[in-house]
């Protein structure tokens, strides 16, 4: 049923109205392209070659560790491919190495840098380095991927919880709805930031802990919209017909009412993702987010605040965050307009 719904959506008036909003339509493609590219971050920004040919043999350092002795070194330690001696060895006749476009990972420390850290933009580091000498471009790529994946995960959990609670309240109504509403009001009054601070002081920071804590609060806004849709649709004739045929409540809710109540769910997705990314960035900026060894946009903003003379850190991070949120906002506006029944098929927005 879900695949059939998607197929029908591509041929529907909603899809045509979405495509007519050029800003939202192209924002979807640009955001999708950037996200897909970030999934291959290890092939774009890495301090290991993708493929090496040395003395007639082939090596794949990006998937396997090799010691320095493999390439004629003196010590059985992992090879540092940024070492000028290693580069010179791999550049000899008969030897070659294929490097990624950016020869640094998000956690690479370049011990052979020519400038003190944080270093300004240069040919080796297009957007400079942070206060530890790590490449800013690499950290932006990995941080963008982490933020989007975090937002997707949090959005999916929020949608599942919001749809379930909203459906139960809207369909059954009565005491079920009344008690659920009061419980939600009590839970929504809990100080979310204080709870995060308390748990951050008890447990070591982790992405899983953040997802669990933030997902406990991120579903309540959607549940109200789903509740209203179920409350409206349960009184329609097709629901009465389904009840007369002897279908169970779960069958009526998920097979019949839910497909006709997806408008608020779909329009909710981009805005929820924006809120999730912004929440993660804010927590990382305050030091309550992901572990320090992970690349994150909030941590880069905090570095920019602590190194005001290193303007390239805060400016580049701000631009990445602003463009990401802007694309999601344009997509959300286009989806909202596409599912607005008051708009005719010929309405188009630039």
C-alpha atoms as a PDB file:
ATOM      1  CA  UNK A   1       0.000   0.000   0.000  1.00  0.00           C
ATOM      2  CA  UNK A   2       2.876   2.379   0.793  1.00  0.00           C
ATOM      3  CA  UNK A   3       4.508   1.833  -2.619  1.00  0.00           C
ATOM      4  CA  UNK A   4       1.181   2.313  -4.345  1.00  0.00           C
ATOM      5  CA  UNK A   5       0.670   5.535  -2.399  1.00  0.00           C
ATOM      6  CA  UNK A   6       4.081   6.829  -3.506  1.00  0.00           C
ATOM      7  CA  UNK A   7       3.354   5.927  -7.119  1.00  0.00           C
ATOM      8  CA  UNK A   8       0.035   7.710  -6.975  1.00  0.00           C
ATOM      9  CA  UNK A   9       1.685  10.716  -5.332  1.00  0.00           C
ATOM     10  CA  UNK A  10       4.086  11.202  -8.261  1.00  0.00           C
ATOM     11  CA  UNK A  11       1.067  11.373 -10.577  1.00  0.00           C
ATOM     12  CA  UNK A  12      -1.056  13.476  -8.254  1.00  0.00           C
ATOM     13  CA  UNK A  13      -1.877  17.146  -8.155  1.00  0.00           C
ATOM     14  CA  UNK A  14       0.246  17.487  -5.004  1.00  0.00           C
ATOM     15  CA  UNK A  15       3.382  16.373  -6.842  1.00  0.00           C
ATOM     16  CA  UNK A  16       2.647  18.758  -9.702  1.00  0.00           C
ATOM     17  CA  UNK A  17       2.186  21.629  -7.254  1.00  0.00           C
ATOM     18  CA  UNK A  18       5.416  20.658  -5.522  1.00  0.00           C
ATOM     19  CA  UNK A  19       7.303  20.667  -8.828  1.00  0.00           C
ATOM     20  CA  UNK A  20       5.789  24.022  -9.705  1.00  0.00           C
ATOM     21  CA  UNK A  21       7.533  25.483  -6.664  1.00  0.00           C
ATOM     22  CA  UNK A  22      10.943  25.662  -8.299  1.00  0.00           C
ATOM     23  CA  UNK A  23      12.704  26.805  -5.138  1.00  0.00           C
ATOM     24  CA  UNK A  24      11.491  23.845  -3.108  1.00  0.00           C
ATOM     25  CA  UNK A  25      11.889  21.358  -5.964  1.00  0.00           C
ATOM     26  CA  UNK A  26      15.517  22.225  -6.641  1.00  0.00           C
ATOM     27  CA  UNK A  27      16.228  22.447  -2.922  1.00  0.00           C
ATOM     28  CA  UNK A  28      15.169  18.805  -2.683  1.00  0.00           C
ATOM     29  CA  UNK A  29      17.604  17.784  -5.419  1.00  0.00           C
ATOM     30  CA  UNK A  30      20.478  19.873  -4.075  1.00  0.00           C
ATOM     31  CA  UNK A  31      20.003  18.622  -0.516  1.00  0.00           C
ATOM     32  CA  UNK A  32      19.733  15.010  -1.706  1.00  0.00           C
ATOM     33  CA  UNK A  33      22.899  15.343  -3.806  1.00  0.00           C
ATOM     34  CA  UNK A  34      24.858  16.848  -0.917  1.00  0.00           C
ATOM     35  CA  UNK A  35      23.666  14.136   1.452  1.00  0.00           C
ATOM     36  CA  UNK A  36      24.541  11.317  -0.970  1.00  0.00           C
ATOM     37  CA  UNK A  37      28.006  12.792  -1.469  1.00  0.00           C
ATOM     38  CA  UNK A  38      28.508  13.018   2.295  1.00  0.00           C
ATOM     39  CA  UNK A  39      27.742   9.298   2.610  1.00  0.00           C
ATOM     40  CA  UNK A  40      30.958   8.701   0.677  1.00  0.00           C
ATOM     41  CA  UNK A  41      32.975  11.045   2.864  1.00  0.00           C
ATOM     42  CA  UNK A  42      35.688   8.428   3.369  1.00  0.00           C
ATOM     43  CA  UNK A  43      36.316   8.460  -0.387  1.00  0.00           C
ATOM     44  CA  UNK A  44      36.311  12.273  -0.570  1.00  0.00           C
ATOM     45  CA  UNK A  45      38.261  13.275   2.539  1.00  0.00           C
ATOM     46  CA  UNK A  46      40.742  10.747   3.879  1.00  0.00           C
ATOM     47  CA  UNK A  47      44.385  10.711   4.906  1.00  0.00           C
ATOM     48  CA  UNK A  48      44.918   7.320   3.267  1.00  0.00           C
ATOM     49  CA  UNK A  49      45.300   6.668  -0.461  1.00  0.00           C
ATOM     50  CA  UNK A  50      42.492   4.869  -2.230  1.00  0.00           C
ATOM     51  CA  UNK A  51      44.935   2.601  -4.065  1.00  0.00           C
ATOM     52  CA  UNK A  52      48.717   2.182  -3.967  1.00  0.00           C
ATOM     53  CA  UNK A  53      51.090   0.398  -6.323  1.00  0.00           C
ATOM     54  CA  UNK A  54      54.461  -0.281  -4.715  1.00  0.00           C
ATOM     55  CA  UNK A  55      57.183  -2.482  -6.245  1.00  0.00           C
ATOM     56  CA  UNK A  56      54.689  -4.247  -8.484  1.00  0.00           C
ATOM     57  CA  UNK A  57      52.143  -5.013  -5.738  1.00  0.00           C
ATOM     58  CA  UNK A  58      48.825  -3.306  -5.133  1.00  0.00           C
ATOM     59  CA  UNK A  59      47.582  -2.123  -1.740  1.00  0.00           C
ATOM     60  CA  UNK A  60      44.269  -0.646  -0.573  1.00  0.00           C
ATOM     61  CA  UNK A  61      45.131   1.482   2.486  1.00  0.00           C
ATOM     62  CA  UNK A  62      41.620   2.894   2.763  1.00  0.00           C
ATOM     63  CA  UNK A  63      40.311  -0.499   3.900  1.00  0.00           C
ATOM     64  CA  UNK A  64      43.413  -2.065   5.474  1.00  0.00           C
ATOM     65  CA  UNK A  65      46.242  -0.900   7.704  1.00  0.00           C
ATOM     66  CA  UNK A  66      49.812  -1.319   6.494  1.00  0.00           C
ATOM     67  CA  UNK A  67      52.964  -0.754   8.521  1.00  0.00           C
ATOM     68  CA  UNK A  68      55.787   1.524   7.415  1.00  0.00           C
ATOM     69  CA  UNK A  69      57.987  -1.496   6.728  1.00  0.00           C
ATOM     70  CA  UNK A  70      55.610  -2.455   3.909  1.00  0.00           C
ATOM     71  CA  UNK A  71      56.706   0.666   2.030  1.00  0.00           C
ATOM     72  CA  UNK A  72      60.381   0.542   2.974  1.00  0.00           C
ATOM     73  CA  UNK A  73      60.105   2.261   6.363  1.00  0.00           C
ATOM     74  CA  UNK A  74      62.079   1.463   9.491  1.00  0.00           C
ATOM     75  CA  UNK A  75      59.310   0.967  12.079  1.00  0.00           C
ATOM     76  CA  UNK A  76      56.390  -1.509  12.244  1.00  0.00           C
ATOM     77  CA  UNK A  77      53.968   1.322  13.046  1.00  0.00           C
ATOM     78  CA  UNK A  78      50.930   2.289  10.953  1.00  0.00           C
ATOM     79  CA  UNK A  79      51.952   4.246   7.890  1.00  0.00           C
ATOM     80  CA  UNK A  80      51.505   8.011   7.959  1.00  0.00           C
ATOM     81  CA  UNK A  81      50.785   8.761   4.315  1.00  0.00           C
ATOM     82  CA  UNK A  82      51.273  12.500   4.930  1.00  0.00           C
ATOM     83  CA  UNK A  83      54.930  11.853   5.803  1.00  0.00           C
ATOM     84  CA  UNK A  84      57.083  13.503   3.108  1.00  0.00           C
ATOM     85  CA  UNK A  85      59.370  10.445   3.036  1.00  0.00           C
ATOM     86  CA  UNK A  86      56.421   8.117   2.381  1.00  0.00           C
ATOM     87  CA  UNK A  87      55.120  10.442  -0.340  1.00  0.00           C
ATOM     88  CA  UNK A  88      58.557  10.522  -1.935  1.00  0.00           C
ATOM     89  CA  UNK A  89      58.771   6.729  -1.841  1.00  0.00           C
ATOM     90  CA  UNK A  90      55.360   6.293  -3.462  1.00  0.00           C
ATOM     91  CA  UNK A  91      56.268   8.854  -6.147  1.00  0.00           C
ATOM     92  CA  UNK A  92      59.329   6.943  -7.367  1.00  0.00           C
ATOM     93  CA  UNK A  93      59.237   5.417 -10.878  1.00  0.00           C
ATOM     94  CA  UNK A  94      57.049   2.326 -10.936  1.00  0.00           C
ATOM     95  CA  UNK A  95      55.226   3.350  -7.765  1.00  0.00           C
ATOM     96  CA  UNK A  96      52.091   5.490  -7.535  1.00  0.00           C
ATOM     97  CA  UNK A  97      49.229   6.292  -5.205  1.00  0.00           C
ATOM     98  CA  UNK A  98      45.699   7.561  -5.843  1.00  0.00           C
ATOM     99  CA  UNK A  99      44.672   9.982  -3.103  1.00  0.00           C
ATOM    100  CA  UNK A 100      41.165  11.292  -2.323  1.00  0.00           C
ATOM    101  CA  UNK A 101      40.418  14.892  -3.413  1.00  0.00           C
ATOM    102  CA  UNK A 102      40.981  15.990   0.204  1.00  0.00           C
ATOM    103  CA  UNK A 103      43.948  14.239   1.801  1.00  0.00           C
ATOM    104  CA  UNK A 104      42.718  14.644   5.383  1.00  0.00           C
ATOM    105  CA  UNK A 105      40.125  12.947   7.554  1.00  0.00           C
ATOM    106  CA  UNK A 106      38.114  14.862  10.112  1.00  0.00           C
ATOM    107  CA  UNK A 107      40.499  13.727  12.868  1.00  0.00           C
ATOM    108  CA  UNK A 108      43.800  13.905  10.954  1.00  0.00           C
ATOM    109  CA  UNK A 109      46.584  15.781  12.719  1.00  0.00           C
ATOM    110  CA  UNK A 110      49.139  16.991  10.216  1.00  0.00           C
ATOM    111  CA  UNK A 111      52.460  16.845  12.036  1.00  0.00           C
ATOM    112  CA  UNK A 112      54.214  18.230   8.970  1.00  0.00           C
ATOM    113  CA  UNK A 113      52.194  21.474   8.713  1.00  0.00           C
ATOM    114  CA  UNK A 114      54.124  24.588   7.741  1.00  0.00           C
ATOM    115  CA  UNK A 115      52.027  27.064   9.768  1.00  0.00           C
ATOM    116  CA  UNK A 116      50.950  27.178  13.420  1.00  0.00           C
ATOM    117  CA  UNK A 117      47.370  26.210  14.238  1.00  0.00           C
ATOM    118  CA  UNK A 118      44.798  27.362  13.463  1.00  0.00           C
ATOM    119  CA  UNK A 119      46.263  27.846   9.991  1.00  0.00           C
ATOM    120  CA  UNK A 120      44.634  30.159   7.463  1.00  0.00           C
ATOM    121  CA  UNK A 121      43.236  28.841   4.144  1.00  0.00           C
ATOM    122  CA  UNK A 122      45.937  27.587   1.816  1.00  0.00           C
ATOM    123  CA  UNK A 123      46.444  25.239  -1.099  1.00  0.00           C
ATOM    124  CA  UNK A 124      46.781  22.258   1.240  1.00  0.00           C
ATOM    125  CA  UNK A 125      43.840  23.271   3.459  1.00  0.00           C
ATOM    126  CA  UNK A 126      41.258  25.124   1.377  1.00  0.00           C
ATOM    127  CA  UNK A 127      39.377  26.434   4.415  1.00  0.00           C
ATOM    128  CA  UNK A 128      42.283  26.346   6.824  1.00  0.00           C
ATOM    129  CA  UNK A 129      42.605  24.241   9.963  1.00  0.00           C
ATOM    130  CA  UNK A 130      41.116  24.363  13.434  1.00  0.00           C
ATOM    131  CA  UNK A 131      42.998  24.927  16.679  1.00  0.00           C
ATOM    132  CA  UNK A 132      44.335  21.362  16.608  1.00  0.00           C
ATOM    133  CA  UNK A 133      45.464  21.396  13.003  1.00  0.00           C
ATOM    134  CA  UNK A 134      42.544  19.396  11.609  1.00  0.00           C
ATOM    135  CA  UNK A 135      41.288  20.278   8.135  1.00  0.00           C
ATOM    136  CA  UNK A 136      38.115  22.379   8.284  1.00  0.00           C
ATOM    137  CA  UNK A 137      36.700  21.122   4.952  1.00  0.00           C
ATOM    138  CA  UNK A 138      36.998  17.510   6.077  1.00  0.00           C
ATOM    139  CA  UNK A 139      35.332  18.287   9.398  1.00  0.00           C
ATOM    140  CA  UNK A 140      32.517  20.136   7.618  1.00  0.00           C
ATOM    141  CA  UNK A 141      31.847  17.156   5.330  1.00  0.00           C
ATOM    142  CA  UNK A 142      31.791  14.634   8.174  1.00  0.00           C
ATOM    143  CA  UNK A 143      29.897  17.030  10.442  1.00  0.00           C
ATOM    144  CA  UNK A 144      27.248  17.635   7.785  1.00  0.00           C
ATOM    145  CA  UNK A 145      26.768  13.881   7.371  1.00  0.00           C
ATOM    146  CA  UNK A 146      26.476  13.355  11.108  1.00  0.00           C
ATOM    147  CA  UNK A 147      23.938  16.176  11.436  1.00  0.00           C
ATOM    148  CA  UNK A 148      21.725  14.920   8.606  1.00  0.00           C
ATOM    149  CA  UNK A 149      21.825  11.300   9.778  1.00  0.00           C
ATOM    150  CA  UNK A 150      21.038  12.446  13.307  1.00  0.00           C
ATOM    151  CA  UNK A 151      18.160  14.553  12.016  1.00  0.00           C
ATOM    152  CA  UNK A 152      16.802  11.672   9.928  1.00  0.00           C
ATOM    153  CA  UNK A 153      16.932   9.258  12.844  1.00  0.00           C
ATOM    154  CA  UNK A 154      15.283  11.720  15.207  1.00  0.00           C
ATOM    155  CA  UNK A 155      12.635  12.590  12.623  1.00  0.00           C
ATOM    156  CA  UNK A 156      11.762   8.937  11.987  1.00  0.00           C
ATOM    157  CA  UNK A 157      11.420   8.238  15.712  1.00  0.00           C
ATOM    158  CA  UNK A 158       9.360  11.392  16.198  1.00  0.00           C
ATOM    159  CA  UNK A 159       7.045  10.494  13.324  1.00  0.00           C
ATOM    160  CA  UNK A 160       6.495   6.938  14.591  1.00  0.00           C
ATOM    161  CA  UNK A 161       5.727   8.069  18.129  1.00  0.00           C
ATOM    162  CA  UNK A 162       3.682  11.085  17.046  1.00  0.00           C
ATOM    163  CA  UNK A 163       1.579   9.146  14.534  1.00  0.00           C
ATOM    164  CA  UNK A 164       0.890   6.336  16.999  1.00  0.00           C
ATOM    165  CA  UNK A 165      -0.153   8.555  19.903  1.00  0.00           C
ATOM    166  CA  UNK A 166      -2.099  10.952  17.676  1.00  0.00           C
ATOM    167  CA  UNK A 167      -3.915   8.094  15.969  1.00  0.00           C
ATOM    168  CA  UNK A 168      -4.929   6.479  19.247  1.00  0.00           C
ATOM    169  CA  UNK A 169      -6.170   9.772  20.709  1.00  0.00           C
ATOM    170  CA  UNK A 170      -8.018  10.841  17.574  1.00  0.00           C
ATOM    171  CA  UNK A 171      -9.665   7.532  16.795  1.00  0.00           C
ATOM    172  CA  UNK A 172     -10.810   6.422  20.231  1.00  0.00           C
ATOM    173  CA  UNK A 173     -11.440   9.873  21.717  1.00  0.00           C
ATOM    174  CA  UNK A 174     -13.327  10.090  25.013  1.00  0.00           C
ATOM    175  CA  UNK A 175     -11.398   9.220  28.146  1.00  0.00           C
ATOM    176  CA  UNK A 176      -8.464   7.876  26.143  1.00  0.00           C
ATOM    177  CA  UNK A 177      -8.049  11.251  24.463  1.00  0.00           C
ATOM    178  CA  UNK A 178      -8.596  13.215  27.675  1.00  0.00           C
ATOM    179  CA  UNK A 179      -6.104  11.235  29.767  1.00  0.00           C
ATOM    180  CA  UNK A 180      -3.514  11.199  26.971  1.00  0.00           C
ATOM    181  CA  UNK A 181      -3.779  14.958  26.517  1.00  0.00           C
ATOM    182  CA  UNK A 182      -3.207  15.604  30.213  1.00  0.00           C
ATOM    183  CA  UNK A 183      -0.209  13.250  30.276  1.00  0.00           C
ATOM    184  CA  UNK A 184       1.283  14.984  27.246  1.00  0.00           C
ATOM    185  CA  UNK A 185       0.817  18.375  28.885  1.00  0.00           C
ATOM    186  CA  UNK A 186       2.638  17.155  31.986  1.00  0.00           C
ATOM    187  CA  UNK A 187       5.464  15.628  29.968  1.00  0.00           C
ATOM    188  CA  UNK A 188       5.855  18.699  27.732  1.00  0.00           C
ATOM    189  CA  UNK A 189       6.333  20.882  30.817  1.00  0.00           C
ATOM    190  CA  UNK A 190       9.505  18.982  31.740  1.00  0.00           C
ATOM    191  CA  UNK A 191      12.668  21.120  31.332  1.00  0.00           C
ATOM    192  CA  UNK A 192      14.334  19.378  28.384  1.00  0.00           C
ATOM    193  CA  UNK A 193      17.640  21.236  28.581  1.00  0.00           C
ATOM    194  CA  UNK A 194      18.029  20.574  32.309  1.00  0.00           C
ATOM    195  CA  UNK A 195      17.376  16.880  31.767  1.00  0.00           C
ATOM    196  CA  UNK A 196      20.066  16.813  29.091  1.00  0.00           C
ATOM    197  CA  UNK A 197      22.531  18.517  31.427  1.00  0.00           C
ATOM    198  CA  UNK A 198      21.734  16.034  34.210  1.00  0.00           C
ATOM    199  CA  UNK A 199      22.112  12.977  31.975  1.00  0.00           C
ATOM    200  CA  UNK A 200      25.263  14.400  30.385  1.00  0.00           C
ATOM    201  CA  UNK A 201      26.808  14.644  33.860  1.00  0.00           C
ATOM    202  CA  UNK A 202      25.826  11.054  34.696  1.00  0.00           C
ATOM    203  CA  UNK A 203      26.559   9.264  31.425  1.00  0.00           C
ATOM    204  CA  UNK A 204      29.381   9.756  28.949  1.00  0.00           C
ATOM    205  CA  UNK A 205      28.263  11.723  25.882  1.00  0.00           C
ATOM    206  CA  UNK A 206      27.109   9.578  22.969  1.00  0.00           C
ATOM    207  CA  UNK A 207      24.958   9.929  19.892  1.00  0.00           C
ATOM    208  CA  UNK A 208      22.646   7.143  21.073  1.00  0.00           C
ATOM    209  CA  UNK A 209      21.967   8.911  24.364  1.00  0.00           C
ATOM    210  CA  UNK A 210      21.158  12.152  22.548  1.00  0.00           C
ATOM    211  CA  UNK A 211      18.752  10.407  20.184  1.00  0.00           C
ATOM    212  CA  UNK A 212      16.941   8.709  23.058  1.00  0.00           C
ATOM    213  CA  UNK A 213      16.592  11.901  25.107  1.00  0.00           C
ATOM    214  CA  UNK A 214      15.575  14.199  22.262  1.00  0.00           C
ATOM    215  CA  UNK A 215      13.152  11.658  20.780  1.00  0.00           C
ATOM    216  CA  UNK A 216      11.231  11.663  24.065  1.00  0.00           C
ATOM    217  CA  UNK A 217      10.207  15.277  23.432  1.00  0.00           C
ATOM    218  CA  UNK A 218      10.176  15.639  19.641  1.00  0.00           C
ATOM    219  CA  UNK A 219       6.934  13.808  18.864  1.00  0.00           C
ATOM    220  CA  UNK A 220       4.343  15.860  20.724  1.00  0.00           C
ATOM    221  CA  UNK A 221       3.898  18.560  18.088  1.00  0.00           C
ATOM    222  CA  UNK A 222       3.086  16.037  15.369  1.00  0.00           C
ATOM    223  CA  UNK A 223       0.714  14.032  17.567  1.00  0.00           C
ATOM    224  CA  UNK A 224      -1.647  17.017  17.828  1.00  0.00           C
ATOM    225  CA  UNK A 225      -1.938  17.308  14.038  1.00  0.00           C
ATOM    226  CA  UNK A 226      -2.426  13.560  13.561  1.00  0.00           C
ATOM    227  CA  UNK A 227      -5.017  13.533  16.341  1.00  0.00           C
ATOM    228  CA  UNK A 228      -6.988  16.262  14.582  1.00  0.00           C
ATOM    229  CA  UNK A 229      -6.866  14.405  11.246  1.00  0.00           C
ATOM    230  CA  UNK A 230      -8.017  11.120  12.804  1.00  0.00           C
ATOM    231  CA  UNK A 231     -10.732  12.895  14.753  1.00  0.00           C
ATOM    232  CA  UNK A 232     -12.015  14.455  11.524  1.00  0.00           C
ATOM    233  CA  UNK A 233     -11.741  11.356   9.322  1.00  0.00           C
ATOM    234  CA  UNK A 234     -13.252   8.860  11.747  1.00  0.00           C
ATOM    235  CA  UNK A 235     -16.689  10.408  11.180  1.00  0.00           C
ATOM    236  CA  UNK A 236     -16.588   9.981   7.389  1.00  0.00           C
ATOM    237  CA  UNK A 237     -18.632   7.438   5.478  1.00  0.00           C
ATOM    238  CA  UNK A 238     -15.797   5.127   4.454  1.00  0.00           C
ATOM    239  CA  UNK A 239     -14.952   4.538   8.119  1.00  0.00           C
ATOM    240  CA  UNK A 240     -18.581   3.692   8.872  1.00  0.00           C
ATOM    241  CA  UNK A 241     -18.576   1.283   5.951  1.00  0.00           C
ATOM    242  CA  UNK A 242     -15.400  -0.386   7.223  1.00  0.00           C
ATOM    243  CA  UNK A 243     -16.937  -0.780  10.677  1.00  0.00           C
ATOM    244  CA  UNK A 244     -20.065  -2.293   9.116  1.00  0.00           C
ATOM    245  CA  UNK A 245     -17.897  -4.852   7.305  1.00  0.00           C
ATOM    246  CA  UNK A 246     -16.496  -5.975  10.666  1.00  0.00           C
ATOM    247  CA  UNK A 247     -12.959  -4.662  10.318  1.00  0.00           C
ATOM    248  CA  UNK A 248     -11.009  -4.275  13.545  1.00  0.00           C
ATOM    249  CA  UNK A 249     -10.020  -0.907  14.950  1.00  0.00           C
ATOM    250  CA  UNK A 250      -6.365  -1.425  14.033  1.00  0.00           C
ATOM    251  CA  UNK A 251      -7.276  -2.279  10.435  1.00  0.00           C
ATOM    252  CA  UNK A 252      -9.434   0.806  10.119  1.00  0.00           C
ATOM    253  CA  UNK A 253      -6.801   3.045  11.699  1.00  0.00           C
ATOM    254  CA  UNK A 254      -3.756   1.924   9.734  1.00  0.00           C
ATOM    255  CA  UNK A 255      -5.264   0.773   6.428  1.00  0.00           C
ATOM    256  CA  UNK A 256      -7.977   3.355   5.873  1.00  0.00           C
ATOM    257  CA  UNK A 257      -7.645   6.457   8.048  1.00  0.00           C
ATOM    258  CA  UNK A 258      -3.849   6.806   8.147  1.00  0.00           C
ATOM    259  CA  UNK A 259      -3.316   7.009   4.338  1.00  0.00           C
ATOM    260  CA  UNK A 260      -5.866   9.843   4.296  1.00  0.00           C
ATOM    261  CA  UNK A 261      -4.204  11.619   7.235  1.00  0.00           C
ATOM    262  CA  UNK A 262      -0.631  11.849   5.975  1.00  0.00           C
ATOM    263  CA  UNK A 263      -0.722  15.507   4.971  1.00  0.00           C
ATOM    264  CA  UNK A 264       0.506  16.870   8.334  1.00  0.00           C
ATOM    265  CA  UNK A 265       3.070  14.067   8.577  1.00  0.00           C
ATOM    266  CA  UNK A 266       4.653  14.863   5.208  1.00  0.00           C
ATOM    267  CA  UNK A 267       4.705  18.617   5.702  1.00  0.00           C
ATOM    268  CA  UNK A 268       6.146  18.067   9.194  1.00  0.00           C
ATOM    269  CA  UNK A 269       9.252  16.184   8.017  1.00  0.00           C
ATOM    270  CA  UNK A 270      11.570  18.969   6.711  1.00  0.00           C
ATOM    271  CA  UNK A 271      10.797  21.287   9.618  1.00  0.00           C
ATOM    272  CA  UNK A 272      11.392  18.489  12.109  1.00  0.00           C
ATOM    273  CA  UNK A 273      14.726  17.713  10.467  1.00  0.00           C
ATOM    274  CA  UNK A 274      15.704  21.381  10.687  1.00  0.00           C
ATOM    275  CA  UNK A 275      14.829  21.444  14.380  1.00  0.00           C
ATOM    276  CA  UNK A 276      16.820  18.238  14.994  1.00  0.00           C
ATOM    277  CA  UNK A 277      19.927  19.533  13.219  1.00  0.00           C
ATOM    278  CA  UNK A 278      19.693  22.838  15.055  1.00  0.00           C
ATOM    279  CA  UNK A 279      19.236  21.041  18.392  1.00  0.00           C
ATOM    280  CA  UNK A 280      22.327  18.897  17.818  1.00  0.00           C
ATOM    281  CA  UNK A 281      24.352  21.941  16.771  1.00  0.00           C
ATOM    282  CA  UNK A 282      23.262  23.867  19.855  1.00  0.00           C
ATOM    283  CA  UNK A 283      24.106  21.012  22.214  1.00  0.00           C
ATOM    284  CA  UNK A 284      27.505  20.506  20.587  1.00  0.00           C
ATOM    285  CA  UNK A 285      28.188  24.224  20.917  1.00  0.00           C
ATOM    286  CA  UNK A 286      27.433  23.990  24.646  1.00  0.00           C
ATOM    287  CA  UNK A 287      29.569  20.861  25.026  1.00  0.00           C
ATOM    288  CA  UNK A 288      26.582  18.602  25.746  1.00  0.00           C
ATOM    289  CA  UNK A 289      26.401  16.866  22.384  1.00  0.00           C
ATOM    290  CA  UNK A 290      28.424  14.224  20.605  1.00  0.00           C
ATOM    291  CA  UNK A 291      31.794  13.031  21.965  1.00  0.00           C
ATOM    292  CA  UNK A 292      34.678  15.465  21.390  1.00  0.00           C
ATOM    293  CA  UNK A 293      36.419  13.097  18.963  1.00  0.00           C
ATOM    294  CA  UNK A 294      33.513  13.313  16.487  1.00  0.00           C
ATOM    295  CA  UNK A 295      33.180  15.987  13.819  1.00  0.00           C
ATOM    296  CA  UNK A 296      30.187  18.246  14.388  1.00  0.00           C
ATOM    297  CA  UNK A 297      29.048  21.658  13.233  1.00  0.00           C
ATOM    298  CA  UNK A 298      28.387  22.841  16.781  1.00  0.00           C
ATOM    299  CA  UNK A 299      31.915  21.984  17.887  1.00  0.00           C
ATOM    300  CA  UNK A 300      33.307  23.974  14.956  1.00  0.00           C
ATOM    301  CA  UNK A 301      31.153  26.956  15.924  1.00  0.00           C
ATOM    302  CA  UNK A 302      32.501  26.701  19.466  1.00  0.00           C
ATOM    303  CA  UNK A 303      36.047  26.713  18.066  1.00  0.00           C
ATOM    304  CA  UNK A 304      35.217  29.768  16.001  1.00  0.00           C
ATOM    305  CA  UNK A 305      33.975  31.500  19.134  1.00  0.00           C
ATOM    306  CA  UNK A 306      37.188  30.638  20.952  1.00  0.00           C
ATOM    307  CA  UNK A 307      39.379  31.713  18.028  1.00  0.00           C
ATOM    308  CA  UNK A 308      37.859  34.925  16.714  1.00  0.00           C
ATOM    309  CA  UNK A 309      40.951  35.697  14.679  1.00  0.00           C
ATOM    310  CA  UNK A 310      40.476  32.417  12.780  1.00  0.00           C
ATOM    311  CA  UNK A 311      37.484  33.782  10.857  1.00  0.00           C
ATOM    312  CA  UNK A 312      37.452  30.880   8.388  1.00  0.00           C
ATOM    313  CA  UNK A 313      36.244  28.419  11.038  1.00  0.00           C
ATOM    314  CA  UNK A 314      33.081  30.221  12.127  1.00  0.00           C
ATOM    315  CA  UNK A 315      32.263  31.669   8.686  1.00  0.00           C
ATOM    316  CA  UNK A 316      32.465  28.356   6.797  1.00  0.00           C
ATOM    317  CA  UNK A 317      30.530  26.502   9.492  1.00  0.00           C
ATOM    318  CA  UNK A 318      27.839  29.168   9.585  1.00  0.00           C
ATOM    319  CA  UNK A 319      27.435  29.002   5.800  1.00  0.00           C
ATOM    320  CA  UNK A 320      27.102  25.201   5.801  1.00  0.00           C
ATOM    321  CA  UNK A 321      24.542  25.293   8.616  1.00  0.00           C
ATOM    322  CA  UNK A 322      22.611  28.195   7.068  1.00  0.00           C
ATOM    323  CA  UNK A 323      22.460  26.572   3.618  1.00  0.00           C
ATOM    324  CA  UNK A 324      21.335  23.242   5.108  1.00  0.00           C
ATOM    325  CA  UNK A 325      18.518  24.818   7.115  1.00  0.00           C
ATOM    326  CA  UNK A 326      17.556  27.046   4.190  1.00  0.00           C
ATOM    327  CA  UNK A 327      17.208  24.069   1.823  1.00  0.00           C
ATOM    328  CA  UNK A 328      15.070  22.198   4.347  1.00  0.00           C
ATOM    329  CA  UNK A 329      12.892  25.262   4.894  1.00  0.00           C
ATOM    330  CA  UNK A 330      12.319  25.699   1.163  1.00  0.00           C
ATOM    331  CA  UNK A 331      11.389  22.009   0.909  1.00  0.00           C
ATOM    332  CA  UNK A 332       8.979  22.340   3.807  1.00  0.00           C
ATOM    333  CA  UNK A 333       7.306  25.403   2.296  1.00  0.00           C
ATOM    334  CA  UNK A 334       6.921  23.609  -1.028  1.00  0.00           C
ATOM    335  CA  UNK A 335       5.392  20.536   0.649  1.00  0.00           C
ATOM    336  CA  UNK A 336       3.014  22.695   2.658  1.00  0.00           C
ATOM    337  CA  UNK A 337       1.853  24.487  -0.476  1.00  0.00           C
ATOM    338  CA  UNK A 338       1.581  21.221  -2.411  1.00  0.00           C
ATOM    339  CA  UNK A 339      -0.791  19.717   0.145  1.00  0.00           C
ATOM    340  CA  UNK A 340      -2.819  22.888   0.598  1.00  0.00           C
ATOM    341  CA  UNK A 341      -6.192  21.986  -0.884  1.00  0.00           C
ATOM    342  CA  UNK A 342      -7.065  25.643  -1.282  1.00  0.00           C
ATOM    343  CA  UNK A 343      -4.503  25.951  -4.059  1.00  0.00           C
ATOM    344  CA  UNK A 344      -5.447  25.069  -7.588  1.00  0.00           C
ATOM    345  CA  UNK A 345      -3.346  22.955  -9.896  1.00  0.00           C
ATOM    346  CA  UNK A 346      -2.126  25.946 -11.828  1.00  0.00           C
ATOM    347  CA  UNK A 347      -0.675  27.852  -8.919  1.00  0.00           C
ATOM    348  CA  UNK A 348       3.092  28.171  -9.148  1.00  0.00           C
ATOM    349  CA  UNK A 349       5.602  29.821  -6.923  1.00  0.00           C
ATOM    350  CA  UNK A 350       8.999  30.970  -7.923  1.00  0.00           C
END
